C-alpha atoms as a PDB file:
ATOM      1  CA  MET A   1       3.523   9.221 -20.788  1.00  0.00           C
ATOM      2  CA  THR A   2       4.996   7.931 -23.996  1.00  0.00           C
ATOM      3  CA  GLU A   3       3.803   4.571 -25.413  1.00  0.00           C
ATOM      4  CA  HIS A   4       7.207   3.188 -25.035  1.00  0.00           C
ATOM      5  CA  ARG A   5       7.173   4.143 -21.228  1.00  0.00           C
ATOM      6  CA  ARG A   6       3.659   2.595 -20.818  1.00  0.00           C
ATOM      7  CA  ASP A   7       4.697  -0.627 -21.857  1.00  0.00           C
ATOM      8  CA  GLU A   8       7.695  -0.780 -19.931  1.00  0.00           C
ATOM      9  CA  GLN A   9       5.616  -0.249 -16.951  1.00  0.00           C
ATOM     10  CA  GLN A  10       3.545  -2.830 -17.612  1.00  0.00           C
ATOM     11  CA  LEU A  11       6.176  -5.225 -18.131  1.00  0.00           C
ATOM     12  CA  PHE A  12       7.525  -4.379 -14.919  1.00  0.00           C
ATOM     13  CA  ARG A  13       4.502  -4.925 -12.861  1.00  0.00           C
ATOM     14  CA  GLU A  14       3.972  -8.333 -14.972  1.00  0.00           C
ATOM     15  CA  ARG A  15       7.720  -9.627 -14.507  1.00  0.00           C
ATOM     16  CA  SER A  16       7.419 -11.575 -11.153  1.00  0.00           C
ATOM     17  CA  ARG A  17       4.370 -13.602 -12.576  1.00  0.00           C
ATOM     18  CA  ASP A  18       5.067 -13.847 -16.104  1.00  0.00           C
ATOM     19  CA  PRO A  19       8.648 -14.790 -17.203  1.00  0.00           C
ATOM     20  CA  ALA A  20       7.828 -13.521 -20.699  1.00  0.00           C
ATOM     21  CA  ALA A  21       7.486  -9.914 -19.533  1.00  0.00           C
ATOM     22  CA  ARG A  22      10.754 -10.434 -17.292  1.00  0.00           C
ATOM     23  CA  ASP A  23      12.447 -12.140 -20.415  1.00  0.00           C
ATOM     24  CA  ALA A  24      11.275  -8.805 -22.637  1.00  0.00           C
ATOM     25  CA  LEU A  25      12.843  -6.504 -20.032  1.00  0.00           C
ATOM     26  CA  ILE A  26      16.127  -8.546 -20.398  1.00  0.00           C
ATOM     27  CA  GLU A  27      16.330  -8.307 -23.947  1.00  0.00           C
ATOM     28  CA  ARG A  28      15.236  -4.671 -23.969  1.00  0.00           C
ATOM     29  CA  TYR A  29      18.042  -3.746 -21.616  1.00  0.00           C
ATOM     30  CA  LEU A  30      20.801  -6.303 -22.769  1.00  0.00           C
ATOM     31  CA  PRO A  31      22.678  -4.052 -24.818  1.00  0.00           C
ATOM     32  CA  LEU A  32      22.706  -1.235 -22.202  1.00  0.00           C
ATOM     33  CA  ALA A  33      24.732  -4.070 -20.060  1.00  0.00           C
ATOM     34  CA  TYR A  34      27.074  -5.071 -22.728  1.00  0.00           C
ATOM     35  CA  SER A  35      28.036  -1.601 -23.612  1.00  0.00           C
ATOM     36  CA  LEU A  36      28.891  -0.923 -20.205  1.00  0.00           C
ATOM     37  CA  ALA A  37      30.861  -3.954 -20.108  1.00  0.00           C
ATOM     38  CA  ARG A  38      32.880  -2.635 -22.941  1.00  0.00           C
ATOM     39  CA  ARG A  39      33.382   0.471 -21.449  1.00  0.00           C
ATOM     40  CA  TYR A  40      34.918  -1.047 -18.454  1.00  0.00           C
ATOM     41  CA  THR A  41      37.021  -3.515 -20.523  1.00  0.00           C
ATOM     42  CA  ARG A  42      41.041  -3.011 -19.506  1.00  0.00           C
ATOM     43  CA  GLY A  43      43.844  -5.252 -19.127  1.00  0.00           C
ATOM     44  CA  GLU A  44      43.660  -9.261 -19.616  1.00  0.00           C
ATOM     45  CA  GLU A  45      39.886  -9.351 -18.771  1.00  0.00           C
ATOM     46  CA  PRO A  46      37.929 -11.008 -21.356  1.00  0.00           C
ATOM     47  CA  VAL A  47      35.281  -9.203 -22.628  1.00  0.00           C
ATOM     48  CA  GLU A  48      32.813 -12.154 -22.495  1.00  0.00           C
ATOM     49  CA  ASP A  49      33.570 -12.431 -18.904  1.00  0.00           C
ATOM     50  CA  LEU A  50      32.590  -8.889 -18.027  1.00  0.00           C
ATOM     51  CA  GLU A  51      29.318  -9.095 -20.420  1.00  0.00           C
ATOM     52  CA  GLN A  52      28.401 -12.235 -18.174  1.00  0.00           C
ATOM     53  CA  VAL A  53      29.243 -10.166 -15.035  1.00  0.00           C
ATOM     54  CA  ALA A  54      27.013  -7.196 -16.578  1.00  0.00           C
ATOM     55  CA  ALA A  55      23.957  -9.274 -17.483  1.00  0.00           C
ATOM     56  CA  LEU A  56      23.783 -10.738 -14.333  1.00  0.00           C
ATOM     57  CA  ALA A  57      23.826  -7.477 -12.811  1.00  0.00           C
ATOM     58  CA  LEU A  58      21.127  -6.627 -15.145  1.00  0.00           C
ATOM     59  CA  ILE A  59      18.838  -9.323 -14.168  1.00  0.00           C
ATOM     60  CA  ARG A  60      19.556  -8.524 -10.408  1.00  0.00           C
ATOM     61  CA  ALA A  61      18.459  -4.714 -11.116  1.00  0.00           C
ATOM     62  CA  ILE A  62      15.034  -5.932 -13.073  1.00  0.00           C
ATOM     63  CA  ASP A  63      14.326  -7.974 -10.517  1.00  0.00           C
ATOM     64  CA  MET A  64      14.898  -5.584  -7.785  1.00  0.00           C
ATOM     65  CA  PHE A  65      13.496  -2.331  -9.459  1.00  0.00           C
ATOM     66  CA  ASP A  66      10.643  -0.639  -7.925  1.00  0.00           C
ATOM     67  CA  ALA A  67       8.640   1.109 -10.935  1.00  0.00           C
ATOM     68  CA  GLU A  68       6.226   2.461  -8.981  1.00  0.00           C
ATOM     69  CA  LEU A  69       8.999   5.203  -7.522  1.00  0.00           C
ATOM     70  CA  GLY A  70       8.532   6.994 -11.191  1.00  0.00           C
ATOM     71  CA  ILE A  71      12.353   6.819 -12.234  1.00  0.00           C
ATOM     72  CA  ALA A  72      13.426   5.556 -15.443  1.00  0.00           C
ATOM     73  CA  PHE A  73      14.960   2.121 -15.149  1.00  0.00           C
ATOM     74  CA  SER A  74      18.247   2.943 -16.589  1.00  0.00           C
ATOM     75  CA  SER A  75      18.825   5.624 -13.785  1.00  0.00           C
ATOM     76  CA  TYR A  76      19.003   2.566 -11.716  1.00  0.00           C
ATOM     77  CA  ALA A  77      20.286  -0.192 -13.989  1.00  0.00           C
ATOM     78  CA  VAL A  78      23.377   1.928 -14.799  1.00  0.00           C
ATOM     79  CA  PRO A  79      25.065   2.357 -11.406  1.00  0.00           C
ATOM     80  CA  SER A  80      24.137  -1.059 -10.294  1.00  0.00           C
ATOM     81  CA  ILE A  81      25.623  -2.518 -13.351  1.00  0.00           C
ATOM     82  CA  ALA A  82      28.720  -0.308 -13.255  1.00  0.00           C
ATOM     83  CA  GLY A  83      28.833  -1.316  -9.528  1.00  0.00           C
ATOM     84  CA  ALA A  84      28.906  -4.880 -10.294  1.00  0.00           C
ATOM     85  CA  LEU A  85      31.857  -4.575 -12.935  1.00  0.00           C
ATOM     86  CA  LYS A  86      34.100  -2.587 -10.474  1.00  0.00           C
ATOM     87  CA  ARG A  87      33.518  -5.452  -7.664  1.00  0.00           C
ATOM     88  CA  HIS A  88      34.501  -8.096 -10.252  1.00  0.00           C
ATOM     89  CA  TYR A  89      37.722  -6.381 -10.931  1.00  0.00           C
ATOM     90  CA  ARG A  90      38.329  -5.821  -7.135  1.00  0.00           C
ATOM     91  CA  ASP A  91      37.383  -9.338  -6.368  1.00  0.00           C
ATOM     92  CA  VAL A  92      39.662 -10.905  -9.290  1.00  0.00           C
ATOM     93  CA  GLY A  93      42.388  -8.495  -9.317  1.00  0.00           C
ATOM     94  CA  TRP A  94      44.035  -9.396  -6.030  1.00  0.00           C
ATOM     95  CA  THR A  95      46.014 -12.334  -5.206  1.00  0.00           C
ATOM     96  CA  VAL A  96      45.676 -11.772  -1.267  1.00  0.00           C
ATOM     97  CA  ARG A  97      41.960 -10.772  -0.715  1.00  0.00           C
ATOM     98  CA  PRO A  98      42.351  -7.717   1.546  1.00  0.00           C
ATOM     99  CA  PRO A  99      38.716  -6.354   2.259  1.00  0.00           C
ATOM    100  CA  ARG A 100      36.914  -4.488  -0.377  1.00  0.00           C
ATOM    101  CA  ARG A 101      37.441  -1.264   1.506  1.00  0.00           C
ATOM    102  CA  LEU A 102      41.263  -1.505   1.281  1.00  0.00           C
ATOM    103  CA  GLN A 103      41.212  -2.627  -2.153  1.00  0.00           C
ATOM    104  CA  GLN A 104      39.167   0.612  -2.915  1.00  0.00           C
ATOM    105  CA  LEU A 105      41.262   2.756  -0.906  1.00  0.00           C
ATOM    106  CA  ALA A 106      44.672   1.430  -2.857  1.00  0.00           C
ATOM    107  CA  LEU A 107      42.940   2.263  -6.116  1.00  0.00           C
ATOM    108  CA  ASP A 108      42.030   6.081  -4.912  1.00  0.00           C
ATOM    109  CA  VAL A 109      45.599   6.317  -3.881  1.00  0.00           C
ATOM    110  CA  ARG A 110      46.961   5.045  -7.193  1.00  0.00           C
ATOM    111  CA  GLN A 111      44.644   7.475  -9.066  1.00  0.00           C
ATOM    112  CA  ALA A 112      45.754  10.101  -6.893  1.00  0.00           C
ATOM    113  CA  TYR A 113      49.489   9.351  -7.419  1.00  0.00           C
ATOM    114  CA  ASP A 114      48.627   9.230 -11.127  1.00  0.00           C
ATOM    115  CA  GLU A 115      46.698  12.685 -11.349  1.00  0.00           C
ATOM    116  CA  LEU A 116      49.348  14.304  -9.267  1.00  0.00           C
ATOM    117  CA  ARG A 117      52.513  12.995 -11.245  1.00  0.00           C
ATOM    118  CA  GLY A 118      50.680  14.247 -14.390  1.00  0.00           C
ATOM    119  CA  SER A 119      50.050  17.595 -13.390  1.00  0.00           C
ATOM    120  CA  ASN A 120      53.964  17.978 -11.376  1.00  0.00           C
ATOM    121  CA  SER A 121      55.745  15.851 -13.790  1.00  0.00           C
ATOM    122  CA  SER A 122      57.657  14.794 -10.340  1.00  0.00           C
ATOM    123  CA  ALA A 123      56.522  12.192  -8.072  1.00  0.00           C
ATOM    124  CA  PRO A 124      54.203  13.399  -5.525  1.00  0.00           C
ATOM    125  CA  THR A 125      54.725  13.003  -1.955  1.00  0.00           C
ATOM    126  CA  ALA A 126      52.889  11.032   0.510  1.00  0.00           C
ATOM    127  CA  GLY A 127      51.701  14.157   2.129  1.00  0.00           C
ATOM    128  CA  GLU A 128      50.260  15.413  -1.316  1.00  0.00           C
ATOM    129  CA  ILE A 129      48.741  11.902  -1.938  1.00  0.00           C
ATOM    130  CA  ALA A 130      47.257  12.118   1.486  1.00  0.00           C
ATOM    131  CA  ALA A 131      45.846  15.493   0.793  1.00  0.00           C
END
């Protein structure tokens, strides 16, 4: 095990009783959270808002991570942060608040439409989108 990995494991063990260990983990991984926020930047949503969502998701991931499982923290944190960013867009992007499942379905239909339109150069039928 590398020195960096050992140091990280120690910080995760101490995070619940030592605020400095938790702060060190946040500082270490905040650039990752900001990078993911910038990757999800689109439309009118300010990047600062996305960075805040990503930072809060990072803190939740640090608090919930089980270092004893032997996986890299980034393998846990990246999907957690990305999920929070996607939820943020789903939550702020709708005037009417349908259930998240329907919001995701609408996004999936739009993506299928765009992909089929690009490959066919004509508007796809409902059956093609459903398939």
